[in-house]
Amino acid sequence: MSIKHKSKIIFEVSLDENKVPEEISWTAKDGGIENEASKAIMISVWDHKQKDTLRMDLWTKDMPVDQMKQFYHQTLVSMSEAFERATGDAKMSATMRDFCDYFAEKLKLK
C-alpha cells in the first residue's frame, strides 16, 4: 500500500508561567482551517500495542463553565454517533444517546 497523501493537524497552545493554557489554536489546511482559535480540545489516541487509550484534554483558563458543559455534551453525542458508525452496534449507540439526553437534562442544556 502506497501513501498518496499526508495531512497535518497542528495544535498550538500558549501557556502562562504555571503552564496553564491561555490560548489554543489549530490548523488543518486540508479542512480549510488556518490558525483558528479554540477554548478547549480533547484528543484520544489508540495505542494498539498496549491496547490503551492515550488522552489529552486541554482548556483555556477563561473557558466559561456553561460552554464547557455544552462542549462535553456535544462530545458525548458525537462519540455515540461515531461508535455506531465504527461498530454497527445500534443498540448500544441508542443507550449512549439516552445517556446524552439525561446528561443534557441534568445540566439544563435543553
PDB file of N, CA and C in Angstrom:
ATOM      1  N   MET A   1       0.846  -1.181   0.000  1.00  0.00           N
ATOM      2  CA  MET A   1       0.000   0.000   0.000  1.00  0.00           C
ATOM      3  C   MET A   1       0.889   1.242   0.000  1.00  0.00           C
ATOM      4  N   SER A   2       0.711   2.096  -0.966  1.00  0.00           N
ATOM      5  CA  SER A   2       1.486   3.323  -1.013  1.00  0.00           C
ATOM      6  C   SER A   2       0.638   4.491  -0.515  1.00  0.00           C
ATOM      7  N   ILE A   3       1.291   5.381   0.196  1.00  0.00           N
ATOM      8  CA  ILE A   3       0.608   6.563   0.724  1.00  0.00           C
ATOM      9  C   ILE A   3       0.602   7.623  -0.361  1.00  0.00           C
ATOM     10  N   LYS A   4      -0.580   8.090  -0.717  1.00  0.00           N
ATOM     11  CA  LYS A   4      -0.712   9.079  -1.782  1.00  0.00           C
ATOM     12  C   LYS A   4      -0.802  10.498  -1.257  1.00  0.00           C
ATOM     13  N   HIS A   5      -1.188  10.619   0.003  1.00  0.00           N
ATOM     14  CA  HIS A   5      -1.369  11.958   0.564  1.00  0.00           C
ATOM     15  C   HIS A   5      -1.202  11.900   2.074  1.00  0.00           C
ATOM     16  N   LYS A   6      -0.568  12.904   2.626  1.00  0.00           N
ATOM     17  CA  LYS A   6      -0.488  13.052   4.079  1.00  0.00           C
ATOM     18  C   LYS A   6      -1.152  14.364   4.448  1.00  0.00           C
ATOM     19  N   SER A   7      -1.753  14.386   5.607  1.00  0.00           N
ATOM     20  CA  SER A   7      -2.437  15.570   6.085  1.00  0.00           C
ATOM     21  C   SER A   7      -1.976  15.857   7.509  1.00  0.00           C
ATOM     22  N   LYS A   8      -1.836  17.132   7.841  1.00  0.00           N
ATOM     23  CA  LYS A   8      -1.407  17.513   9.181  1.00  0.00           C
ATOM     24  C   LYS A   8      -2.504  18.290   9.883  1.00  0.00           C
ATOM     25  N   ILE A   9      -2.640  18.012  11.160  1.00  0.00           N
ATOM     26  CA  ILE A   9      -3.468  18.816  12.050  1.00  0.00           C
ATOM     27  C   ILE A   9      -2.520  19.305  13.138  1.00  0.00           C
ATOM     28  N   ILE A  10      -2.451  20.611  13.300  1.00  0.00           N
ATOM     29  CA  ILE A  10      -1.488  21.205  14.225  1.00  0.00           C
ATOM     30  C   ILE A  10      -2.238  21.976  15.308  1.00  0.00           C
ATOM     31  N   PHE A  11      -1.889  21.704  16.560  1.00  0.00           N
ATOM     32  CA  PHE A  11      -2.423  22.449  17.693  1.00  0.00           C
ATOM     33  C   PHE A  11      -1.292  23.264  18.301  1.00  0.00           C
ATOM     34  N   GLU A  12      -1.564  24.526  18.585  1.00  0.00           N
ATOM     35  CA  GLU A  12      -0.598  25.367  19.287  1.00  0.00           C
ATOM     36  C   GLU A  12      -1.246  25.834  20.578  1.00  0.00           C
ATOM     37  N   VAL A  13      -0.510  25.665  21.676  1.00  0.00           N
ATOM     38  CA  VAL A  13      -1.032  26.023  22.994  1.00  0.00           C
ATOM     39  C   VAL A  13      -0.062  27.008  23.636  1.00  0.00           C
ATOM     40  N   SER A  14      -0.570  28.188  23.975  1.00  0.00           N
ATOM     41  CA  SER A  14       0.219  29.186  24.698  1.00  0.00           C
ATOM     42  C   SER A  14      -0.063  29.024  26.181  1.00  0.00           C
ATOM     43  N   LEU A  15       1.001  28.913  26.968  1.00  0.00           N
ATOM     44  CA  LEU A  15       0.879  28.650  28.399  1.00  0.00           C
ATOM     45  C   LEU A  15       1.314  29.852  29.217  1.00  0.00           C
ATOM     46  N   ASP A  16       0.731  29.980  30.411  1.00  0.00           N
ATOM     47  CA  ASP A  16       1.204  31.013  31.327  1.00  0.00           C
ATOM     48  C   ASP A  16       2.423  30.496  32.084  1.00  0.00           C
ATOM     49  N   GLU A  17       2.890  31.241  33.064  1.00  0.00           N
ATOM     50  CA  GLU A  17       4.095  30.856  33.803  1.00  0.00           C
ATOM     51  C   GLU A  17       3.917  29.563  34.597  1.00  0.00           C
ATOM     52  N   ASN A  18       2.658  29.188  34.878  1.00  0.00           N
ATOM     53  CA  ASN A  18       2.365  27.942  35.593  1.00  0.00           C
ATOM     54  C   ASN A  18       1.999  26.789  34.647  1.00  0.00           C
ATOM     55  N   LYS A  19       2.221  27.003  33.368  1.00  0.00           N
ATOM     56  CA  LYS A  19       1.934  26.025  32.312  1.00  0.00           C
ATOM     57  C   LYS A  19       0.443  25.708  32.191  1.00  0.00           C
ATOM     58  N   VAL A  20      -0.385  26.710  32.469  1.00  0.00           N
ATOM     59  CA  VAL A  20      -1.828  26.608  32.288  1.00  0.00           C
ATOM     60  C   VAL A  20      -2.156  27.233  30.933  1.00  0.00           C
ATOM     61  N   PRO A  21      -2.928  26.535  30.087  1.00  0.00           N
ATOM     62  CA  PRO A  21      -3.240  27.088  28.768  1.00  0.00           C
ATOM     63  C   PRO A  21      -3.975  28.431  28.835  1.00  0.00           C
ATOM     64  N   GLU A  22      -3.461  29.388  28.081  1.00  0.00           N
ATOM     65  CA  GLU A  22      -4.105  30.697  27.950  1.00  0.00           C
ATOM     66  C   GLU A  22      -4.775  30.837  26.587  1.00  0.00           C
ATOM     67  N   GLU A  23      -4.127  30.275  25.573  1.00  0.00           N
ATOM     68  CA  GLU A  23      -4.666  30.325  24.214  1.00  0.00           C
ATOM     69  C   GLU A  23      -4.423  28.993  23.532  1.00  0.00           C
ATOM     70  N   ILE A  24      -5.386  28.582  22.719  1.00  0.00           N
ATOM     71  CA  ILE A  24      -5.264  27.376  21.908  1.00  0.00           C
ATOM     72  C   ILE A  24      -5.657  27.758  20.486  1.00  0.00           C
ATOM     73  N   SER A  25      -4.874  27.308  19.529  1.00  0.00           N
ATOM     74  CA  SER A  25      -5.257  27.488  18.129  1.00  0.00           C
ATOM     75  C   SER A  25      -4.921  26.219  17.372  1.00  0.00           C
ATOM     76  N   TRP A  26      -5.569  26.050  16.230  1.00  0.00           N
ATOM     77  CA  TRP A  26      -5.322  24.847  15.449  1.00  0.00           C
ATOM     78  C   TRP A  26      -5.390  25.147  13.963  1.00  0.00           C
ATOM     79  N   THR A  27      -4.692  24.313  13.215  1.00  0.00           N
ATOM     80  CA  THR A  27      -4.624  24.427  11.762  1.00  0.00           C
ATOM     81  C   THR A  27      -4.837  23.044  11.165  1.00  0.00           C
ATOM     82  N   ALA A  28      -5.717  22.973  10.176  1.00  0.00           N
ATOM     83  CA  ALA A  28      -5.950  21.758   9.392  1.00  0.00           C
ATOM     84  C   ALA A  28      -6.173  22.238   7.960  1.00  0.00           C
ATOM     85  N   LYS A  29      -5.095  22.437   7.241  1.00  0.00           N
ATOM     86  CA  LYS A  29      -5.175  23.060   5.912  1.00  0.00           C
ATOM     87  C   LYS A  29      -6.079  22.299   4.960  1.00  0.00           C
ATOM     88  N   ASP A  30      -6.095  20.965   5.038  1.00  0.00           N
ATOM     89  CA  ASP A  30      -6.981  20.187   4.164  1.00  0.00           C
ATOM     90  C   ASP A  30      -8.452  20.472   4.450  1.00  0.00           C
ATOM     91  N   GLY A  31      -8.748  20.921   5.659  1.00  0.00           N
ATOM     92  CA  GLY A  31     -10.117  21.262   6.033  1.00  0.00           C
ATOM     93  C   GLY A  31     -10.409  22.749   5.922  1.00  0.00           C
ATOM     94  N   GLY A  32      -9.434  23.506   5.424  1.00  0.00           N
ATOM     95  CA  GLY A  32      -9.623  24.944   5.260  1.00  0.00           C
ATOM     96  C   GLY A  32      -9.511  25.730   6.556  1.00  0.00           C
ATOM     97  N   ILE A  33      -8.852  25.156   7.547  1.00  0.00           N
ATOM     98  CA  ILE A  33      -8.718  25.818   8.846  1.00  0.00           C
ATOM     99  C   ILE A  33      -7.273  26.256   9.022  1.00  0.00           C
ATOM    100  N   GLU A  34      -7.102  27.532   9.329  1.00  0.00           N
ATOM    101  CA  GLU A  34      -5.762  28.088   9.482  1.00  0.00           C
ATOM    102  C   GLU A  34      -5.711  28.937  10.743  1.00  0.00           C
ATOM    103  N   ASN A  35      -4.953  28.479  11.732  1.00  0.00           N
ATOM    104  CA  ASN A  35      -4.735  29.234  12.961  1.00  0.00           C
ATOM    105  C   ASN A  35      -6.048  29.697  13.604  1.00  0.00           C
ATOM    106  N   GLU A  36      -6.993  28.778  13.738  1.00  0.00           N
ATOM    107  CA  GLU A  36      -8.315  29.070  14.302  1.00  0.00           C
ATOM    108  C   GLU A  36      -8.264  28.949  15.829  1.00  0.00           C
ATOM    109  N   ALA A  37      -8.770  29.961  16.505  1.00  0.00           N
ATOM    110  CA  ALA A  37      -8.775  29.958  17.967  1.00  0.00           C
ATOM    111  C   ALA A  37      -9.781  28.943  18.504  1.00  0.00           C
ATOM    112  N   SER A  38      -9.466  28.386  19.662  1.00  0.00           N
ATOM    113  CA  SER A  38     -10.350  27.462  20.352  1.00  0.00           C
ATOM    114  C   SER A  38     -10.157  27.644  21.844  1.00  0.00           C
ATOM    115  N   LYS A  39     -11.145  27.268  22.617  1.00  0.00           N
ATOM    116  CA  LYS A  39     -11.032  27.347  24.078  1.00  0.00           C
ATOM    117  C   LYS A  39     -10.756  25.990  24.705  1.00  0.00           C
ATOM    118  N   ALA A  40     -10.963  24.899  23.941  1.00  0.00           N
ATOM    119  CA  ALA A  40     -10.751  23.560  24.513  1.00  0.00           C
ATOM    120  C   ALA A  40     -10.517  22.547  23.404  1.00  0.00           C
ATOM    121  N   ILE A  41      -9.739  21.500  23.735  1.00  0.00           N
ATOM    122  CA  ILE A  41      -9.543  20.370  22.828  1.00  0.00           C
ATOM    123  C   ILE A  41      -9.514  19.077  23.642  1.00  0.00           C
ATOM    124  N   MET A  42      -9.984  18.016  23.010  1.00  0.00           N
ATOM    125  CA  MET A  42      -9.877  16.675  23.579  1.00  0.00           C
ATOM    126  C   MET A  42      -9.317  15.785  22.477  1.00  0.00           C
ATOM    127  N   ILE A  43      -8.259  15.091  22.787  1.00  0.00           N
ATOM    128  CA  ILE A  43      -7.642  14.205  21.805  1.00  0.00           C
ATOM    129  C   ILE A  43      -7.498  12.827  22.442  1.00  0.00           C
ATOM    130  N   SER A  44      -7.954  11.812  21.744  1.00  0.00           N
ATOM    131  CA  SER A  44      -7.779  10.423  22.169  1.00  0.00           C
ATOM    132  C   SER A  44      -7.014   9.697  21.077  1.00  0.00           C
ATOM    133  N   VAL A  45      -5.997   8.972  21.484  1.00  0.00           N
ATOM    134  CA  VAL A  45      -5.175   8.206  20.550  1.00  0.00           C
ATOM    135  C   VAL A  45      -5.130   6.763  21.033  1.00  0.00           C
ATOM    136  N   TRP A  46      -5.420   5.828  20.136  1.00  0.00           N
ATOM    137  CA  TRP A  46      -5.402   4.414  20.474  1.00  0.00           C
ATOM    138  C   TRP A  46      -4.001   3.860  20.289  1.00  0.00           C
ATOM    139  N   ASP A  47      -3.415   3.350  21.370  1.00  0.00           N
ATOM    140  CA  ASP A  47      -2.126   2.665  21.323  1.00  0.00           C
ATOM    141  C   ASP A  47      -2.424   1.188  21.097  1.00  0.00           C
ATOM    142  N   HIS A  48      -2.308   0.745  19.835  1.00  0.00           N
ATOM    143  CA  HIS A  48      -2.683  -0.628  19.501  1.00  0.00           C
ATOM    144  C   HIS A  48      -1.734  -1.665  20.091  1.00  0.00           C
ATOM    145  N   LYS A  49      -0.527  -1.266  20.419  1.00  0.00           N
ATOM    146  CA  LYS A  49       0.411  -2.220  21.023  1.00  0.00           C
ATOM    147  C   LYS A  49       0.058  -2.477  22.487  1.00  0.00           C
ATOM    148  N   GLN A  50      -0.232  -1.425  23.212  1.00  0.00           N
ATOM    149  CA  GLN A  50      -0.576  -1.543  24.629  1.00  0.00           C
ATOM    150  C   GLN A  50      -2.075  -1.769  24.846  1.00  0.00           C
ATOM    151  N   LYS A  51      -2.854  -1.603  23.775  1.00  0.00           N
ATOM    152  CA  LYS A  51      -4.318  -1.695  23.844  1.00  0.00           C
ATOM    153  C   LYS A  51      -4.854  -0.773  24.937  1.00  0.00           C
ATOM    154  N   ASP A  52      -4.454   0.494  24.786  1.00  0.00           N
ATOM    155  CA  ASP A  52      -4.813   1.503  25.777  1.00  0.00           C
ATOM    156  C   ASP A  52      -5.019   2.837  25.061  1.00  0.00           C
ATOM    157  N   THR A  53      -5.831   3.675  25.655  1.00  0.00           N
ATOM    158  CA  THR A  53      -6.107   4.990  25.100  1.00  0.00           C
ATOM    159  C   THR A  53      -5.244   6.035  25.785  1.00  0.00           C
ATOM    160  N   LEU A  54      -4.588   6.840  24.973  1.00  0.00           N
ATOM    161  CA  LEU A  54      -3.816   7.981  25.462  1.00  0.00           C
ATOM    162  C   LEU A  54      -4.680   9.219  25.244  1.00  0.00           C
ATOM    163  N   ARG A  55      -4.777  10.065  26.241  1.00  0.00           N
ATOM    164  CA  ARG A  55      -5.692  11.207  26.160  1.00  0.00           C
ATOM    165  C   ARG A  55      -4.983  12.505  26.504  1.00  0.00           C
ATOM    166  N   MET A  56      -5.481  13.563  25.881  1.00  0.00           N
ATOM    167  CA  MET A  56      -5.045  14.904  26.226  1.00  0.00           C
ATOM    168  C   MET A  56      -6.281  15.796  26.202  1.00  0.00           C
ATOM    169  N   ASP A  57      -6.618  16.353  27.339  1.00  0.00           N
ATOM    170  CA  ASP A  57      -7.734  17.281  27.463  1.00  0.00           C
ATOM    171  C   ASP A  57      -7.167  18.613  27.931  1.00  0.00           C
ATOM    172  N   LEU A  58      -7.365  19.639  27.128  1.00  0.00           N
ATOM    173  CA  LEU A  58      -6.862  20.966  27.480  1.00  0.00           C
ATOM    174  C   LEU A  58      -7.966  21.991  27.302  1.00  0.00           C
ATOM    175  N   TRP A  59      -7.981  22.965  28.190  1.00  0.00           N
ATOM    176  CA  TRP A  59      -8.892  24.093  28.022  1.00  0.00           C
ATOM    177  C   TRP A  59      -8.224  25.320  28.594  1.00  0.00           C
ATOM    178  N   THR A  60      -8.586  26.468  28.035  1.00  0.00           N
ATOM    179  CA  THR A  60      -8.001  27.718  28.495  1.00  0.00           C
ATOM    180  C   THR A  60      -8.626  28.122  29.821  1.00  0.00           C
ATOM    181  N   LYS A  61      -7.887  28.910  30.572  1.00  0.00           N
ATOM    182  CA  LYS A  61      -8.384  29.281  31.896  1.00  0.00           C
ATOM    183  C   LYS A  61      -9.585  30.213  31.833  1.00  0.00           C
ATOM    184  N   ASP A  62      -9.855  30.787  30.651  1.00  0.00           N
ATOM    185  CA  ASP A  62     -11.037  31.654  30.534  1.00  0.00           C
ATOM    186  C   ASP A  62     -12.213  30.958  29.844  1.00  0.00           C
ATOM    187  N   MET A  63     -12.145  29.625  29.725  1.00  0.00           N
ATOM    188  CA  MET A  63     -13.265  28.869  29.152  1.00  0.00           C
ATOM    189  C   MET A  63     -14.435  28.943  30.121  1.00  0.00           C
ATOM    190  N   PRO A  64     -15.578  29.492  29.697  1.00  0.00           N
ATOM    191  CA  PRO A  64     -16.733  29.568  30.596  1.00  0.00           C
ATOM    192  C   PRO A  64     -17.280  28.176  30.927  1.00  0.00           C
ATOM    193  N   VAL A  65     -17.703  27.988  32.162  1.00  0.00           N
ATOM    194  CA  VAL A  65     -18.205  26.691  32.625  1.00  0.00           C
ATOM    195  C   VAL A  65     -19.422  26.254  31.821  1.00  0.00           C
ATOM    196  N   ASP A  66     -20.325  27.176  31.485  1.00  0.00           N
ATOM    197  CA  ASP A  66     -21.508  26.788  30.711  1.00  0.00           C
ATOM    198  C   ASP A  66     -21.118  26.258  29.335  1.00  0.00           C
ATOM    199  N   GLN A  67     -20.068  26.839  28.723  1.00  0.00           N
ATOM    200  CA  GLN A  67     -19.589  26.342  27.440  1.00  0.00           C
ATOM    201  C   GLN A  67     -18.875  25.000  27.595  1.00  0.00           C
ATOM    202  N   MET A  68     -18.200  24.804  28.731  1.00  0.00           N
ATOM    203  CA  MET A  68     -17.533  23.525  28.976  1.00  0.00           C
ATOM    204  C   MET A  68     -18.575  22.414  29.079  1.00  0.00           C
ATOM    205  N   LYS A  69     -19.685  22.678  29.749  1.00  0.00           N
ATOM    206  CA  LYS A  69     -20.750  21.688  29.864  1.00  0.00           C
ATOM    207  C   LYS A  69     -21.318  21.352  28.486  1.00  0.00           C
ATOM    208  N   GLN A  70     -21.516  22.367  27.672  1.00  0.00           N
ATOM    209  CA  GLN A  70     -22.023  22.157  26.314  1.00  0.00           C
ATOM    210  C   GLN A  70     -21.007  21.385  25.471  1.00  0.00           C
ATOM    211  N   PHE A  71     -19.734  21.713  25.615  1.00  0.00           N
ATOM    212  CA  PHE A  71     -18.655  21.024  24.904  1.00  0.00           C
ATOM    213  C   PHE A  71     -18.649  19.533  25.249  1.00  0.00           C
ATOM    214  N   TYR A  72     -18.755  19.210  26.527  1.00  0.00           N
ATOM    215  CA  TYR A  72     -18.795  17.807  26.935  1.00  0.00           C
ATOM    216  C   TYR A  72     -20.025  17.101  26.381  1.00  0.00           C
ATOM    217  N   HIS A  73     -21.180  17.755  26.446  1.00  0.00           N
ATOM    218  CA  HIS A  73     -22.401  17.143  25.923  1.00  0.00           C
ATOM    219  C   HIS A  73     -22.257  16.845  24.437  1.00  0.00           C
ATOM    220  N   GLN A  74     -21.819  17.832  23.672  1.00  0.00           N
ATOM    221  CA  GLN A  74     -21.677  17.628  22.229  1.00  0.00           C
ATOM    222  C   GLN A  74     -20.634  16.567  21.917  1.00  0.00           C
ATOM    223  N   THR A  75     -19.590  16.483  22.719  1.00  0.00           N
ATOM    224  CA  THR A  75     -18.568  15.448  22.527  1.00  0.00           C
ATOM    225  C   THR A  75     -19.163  14.063  22.777  1.00  0.00           C
ATOM    226  N   LEU A  76     -19.961  13.933  23.829  1.00  0.00           N
ATOM    227  CA  LEU A  76     -20.606  12.652  24.112  1.00  0.00           C
ATOM    228  C   LEU A  76     -21.563  12.240  22.990  1.00  0.00           C
ATOM    229  N   VAL A  77     -22.329  13.195  22.473  1.00  0.00           N
ATOM    230  CA  VAL A  77     -23.240  12.911  21.354  1.00  0.00           C
ATOM    231  C   VAL A  77     -22.434  12.444  20.139  1.00  0.00           C
ATOM    232  N   SER A  78     -21.362  13.154  19.828  1.00  0.00           N
ATOM    233  CA  SER A  78     -20.509  12.779  18.694  1.00  0.00           C
ATOM    234  C   SER A  78     -19.901  11.397  18.880  1.00  0.00           C
ATOM    235  N   MET A  79     -19.509  11.073  20.109  1.00  0.00           N
ATOM    236  CA  MET A  79     -18.934   9.759  20.380  1.00  0.00           C
ATOM    237  C   MET A  79     -19.966   8.660  20.183  1.00  0.00           C
ATOM    238  N   SER A  80     -21.213   8.906  20.561  1.00  0.00           N
ATOM    239  CA  SER A  80     -22.241   7.872  20.377  1.00  0.00           C
ATOM    240  C   SER A  80     -22.502   7.640  18.887  1.00  0.00           C
ATOM    241  N   GLU A  81     -22.482   8.715  18.100  1.00  0.00           N
ATOM    242  CA  GLU A  81     -22.667   8.577  16.648  1.00  0.00           C
ATOM    243  C   GLU A  81     -21.479   7.861  16.014  1.00  0.00           C
ATOM    244  N   ALA A  82     -20.271   8.239  16.424  1.00  0.00           N
ATOM    245  CA  ALA A  82     -19.066   7.606  15.882  1.00  0.00           C
ATOM    246  C   ALA A  82     -18.987   6.136  16.285  1.00  0.00           C
ATOM    247  N   PHE A  83     -19.424   5.823  17.498  1.00  0.00           N
ATOM    248  CA  PHE A  83     -19.428   4.442  17.968  1.00  0.00           C
ATOM    249  C   PHE A  83     -20.299   3.573  17.067  1.00  0.00           C
ATOM    250  N   GLU A  84     -21.464   4.088  16.701  1.00  0.00           N
ATOM    251  CA  GLU A  84     -22.353   3.310  15.833  1.00  0.00           C
ATOM    252  C   GLU A  84     -21.740   3.116  14.447  1.00  0.00           C
ATOM    253  N   ARG A  85     -21.156   4.171  13.907  1.00  0.00           N
ATOM    254  CA  ARG A  85     -20.508   4.036  12.586  1.00  0.00           C
ATOM    255  C   ARG A  85     -19.353   3.050  12.636  1.00  0.00           C
ATOM    256  N   ALA A  86     -18.591   3.076  13.725  1.00  0.00           N
ATOM    257  CA  ALA A  86     -17.399   2.232  13.829  1.00  0.00           C
ATOM    258  C   ALA A  86     -17.720   0.773  14.127  1.00  0.00           C
ATOM    259  N   THR A  87     -18.797   0.539  14.898  1.00  0.00           N
ATOM    260  CA  THR A  87     -19.063  -0.831  15.350  1.00  0.00           C
ATOM    261  C   THR A  87     -20.335  -1.433  14.774  1.00  0.00           C
ATOM    262  N   GLY A  88     -21.233  -0.590  14.299  1.00  0.00           N
ATOM    263  CA  GLY A  88     -22.520  -1.076  13.823  1.00  0.00           C
ATOM    264  C   GLY A  88     -23.461  -1.471  14.953  1.00  0.00           C
ATOM    265  N   ASP A  89     -23.103  -1.165  16.178  1.00  0.00           N
ATOM    266  CA  ASP A  89     -23.893  -1.554  17.348  1.00  0.00           C
ATOM    267  C   ASP A  89     -24.944  -0.476  17.640  1.00  0.00           C
ATOM    268  N   ALA A  90     -26.098  -0.599  16.966  1.00  0.00           N
ATOM    269  CA  ALA A  90     -27.160   0.401  17.094  1.00  0.00           C
ATOM    270  C   ALA A  90     -27.769   0.409  18.492  1.00  0.00           C
ATOM    271  N   LYS A  91     -27.872  -0.745  19.115  1.00  0.00           N
ATOM    272  CA  LYS A  91     -28.496  -0.831  20.440  1.00  0.00           C
ATOM    273  C   LYS A  91     -27.677  -0.062  21.482  1.00  0.00           C
ATOM    274  N   MET A  92     -26.370  -0.277  21.506  1.00  0.00           N
ATOM    275  CA  MET A  92     -25.534   0.429  22.478  1.00  0.00           C
ATOM    276  C   MET A  92     -25.461   1.917  22.146  1.00  0.00           C
ATOM    277  N   SER A  93     -25.458   2.250  20.864  1.00  0.00           N
ATOM    278  CA  SER A  93     -25.450   3.659  20.469  1.00  0.00           C
ATOM    279  C   SER A  93     -26.709   4.364  20.960  1.00  0.00           C
ATOM    280  N   ALA A  94     -27.836   3.685  20.878  1.00  0.00           N
ATOM    281  CA  ALA A  94     -29.091   4.256  21.377  1.00  0.00           C
ATOM    282  C   ALA A  94     -29.014   4.458  22.890  1.00  0.00           C
ATOM    283  N   THR A  95     -28.406   3.512  23.591  1.00  0.00           N
ATOM    284  CA  THR A  95     -28.230   3.641  25.040  1.00  0.00           C
ATOM    285  C   THR A  95     -27.341   4.842  25.356  1.00  0.00           C
ATOM    286  N   MET A  96     -26.291   5.010  24.572  1.00  0.00           N
ATOM    287  CA  MET A  96     -25.397   6.153  24.771  1.00  0.00           C
ATOM    288  C   MET A  96     -26.140   7.470  24.512  1.00  0.00           C
ATOM    289  N   ARG A  97     -26.976   7.505  23.488  1.00  0.00           N
ATOM    290  CA  ARG A  97     -27.752   8.722  23.193  1.00  0.00           C
ATOM    291  C   ARG A  97     -28.751   9.011  24.310  1.00  0.00           C
ATOM    292  N   ASP A  98     -29.336   7.958  24.887  1.00  0.00           N
ATOM    293  CA  ASP A  98     -30.229   8.145  26.043  1.00  0.00           C
ATOM    294  C   ASP A  98     -29.467   8.816  27.188  1.00  0.00           C
ATOM    295  N   PHE A  99     -28.236   8.350  27.420  1.00  0.00           N
ATOM    296  CA  PHE A  99     -27.428   8.986  28.462  1.00  0.00           C
ATOM    297  C   PHE A  99     -27.154  10.445  28.122  1.00  0.00           C
ATOM    298  N   CYS A 100     -26.874  10.724  26.867  1.00  0.00           N
ATOM    299  CA  CYS A 100     -26.627  12.111  26.445  1.00  0.00           C
ATOM    300  C   CYS A 100     -27.841  12.988  26.723  1.00  0.00           C
ATOM    301  N   ASP A 101     -29.034  12.462  26.478  1.00  0.00           N
ATOM    302  CA  ASP A 101     -30.267  13.204  26.780  1.00  0.00           C
ATOM    303  C   ASP A 101     -30.378  13.458  28.289  1.00  0.00           C
ATOM    304  N   TYR A 102     -30.084  12.431  29.079  1.00  0.00           N
ATOM    305  CA  TYR A 102     -30.110  12.551  30.539  1.00  0.00           C
ATOM    306  C   TYR A 102     -29.090  13.592  31.010  1.00  0.00           C
ATOM    307  N   PHE A 103     -27.889  13.528  30.461  1.00  0.00           N
ATOM    308  CA  PHE A 103     -26.799  14.457  30.786  1.00  0.00           C
ATOM    309  C   PHE A 103     -27.250  15.888  30.508  1.00  0.00           C
ATOM    310  N   ALA A 104     -27.817  16.115  29.328  1.00  0.00           N
ATOM    311  CA  ALA A 104     -28.285  17.458  28.937  1.00  0.00           C
ATOM    312  C   ALA A 104     -29.407  17.932  29.855  1.00  0.00           C
ATOM    313  N   GLU A 105     -30.310  17.017  30.188  1.00  0.00           N
ATOM    314  CA  GLU A 105     -31.429  17.383  31.070  1.00  0.00           C
ATOM    315  C   GLU A 105     -30.919  17.795  32.450  1.00  0.00           C
ATOM    316  N   LYS A 106     -29.993  17.017  33.017  1.00  0.00           N
ATOM    317  CA  LYS A 106     -29.476  17.317  34.347  1.00  0.00           C
ATOM    318  C   LYS A 106     -28.674  18.624  34.372  1.00  0.00           C
ATOM    319  N   LEU A 107     -28.014  18.937  33.257  1.00  0.00           N
ATOM    320  CA  LEU A 107     -27.253  20.182  33.173  1.00  0.00           C
ATOM    321  C   LEU A 107     -28.094  21.353  32.659  1.00  0.00           C
ATOM    322  N   LYS A 108     -29.378  21.055  32.400  1.00  0.00           N
ATOM    323  CA  LYS A 108     -30.308  22.065  31.880  1.00  0.00           C
ATOM    324  C   LYS A 108     -29.786  22.694  30.577  1.00  0.00           C
ATOM    325  N   LEU A 109     -29.301  21.817  29.697  1.00  0.00           N
ATOM    326  CA  LEU A 109     -28.811  22.266  28.382  1.00  0.00           C
ATOM    327  C   LEU A 109     -29.934  22.296  27.357  1.00  0.00           C
ATOM    328  N   LYS A 110     -31.032  21.579  27.640  1.00  0.00           N
ATOM    329  CA  LYS A 110     -32.147  21.527  26.698  1.00  0.00           C
ATOM    330  C   LYS A 110     -33.370  22.168  27.303  1.00  0.00           C
TER     331      LYS A 110
END
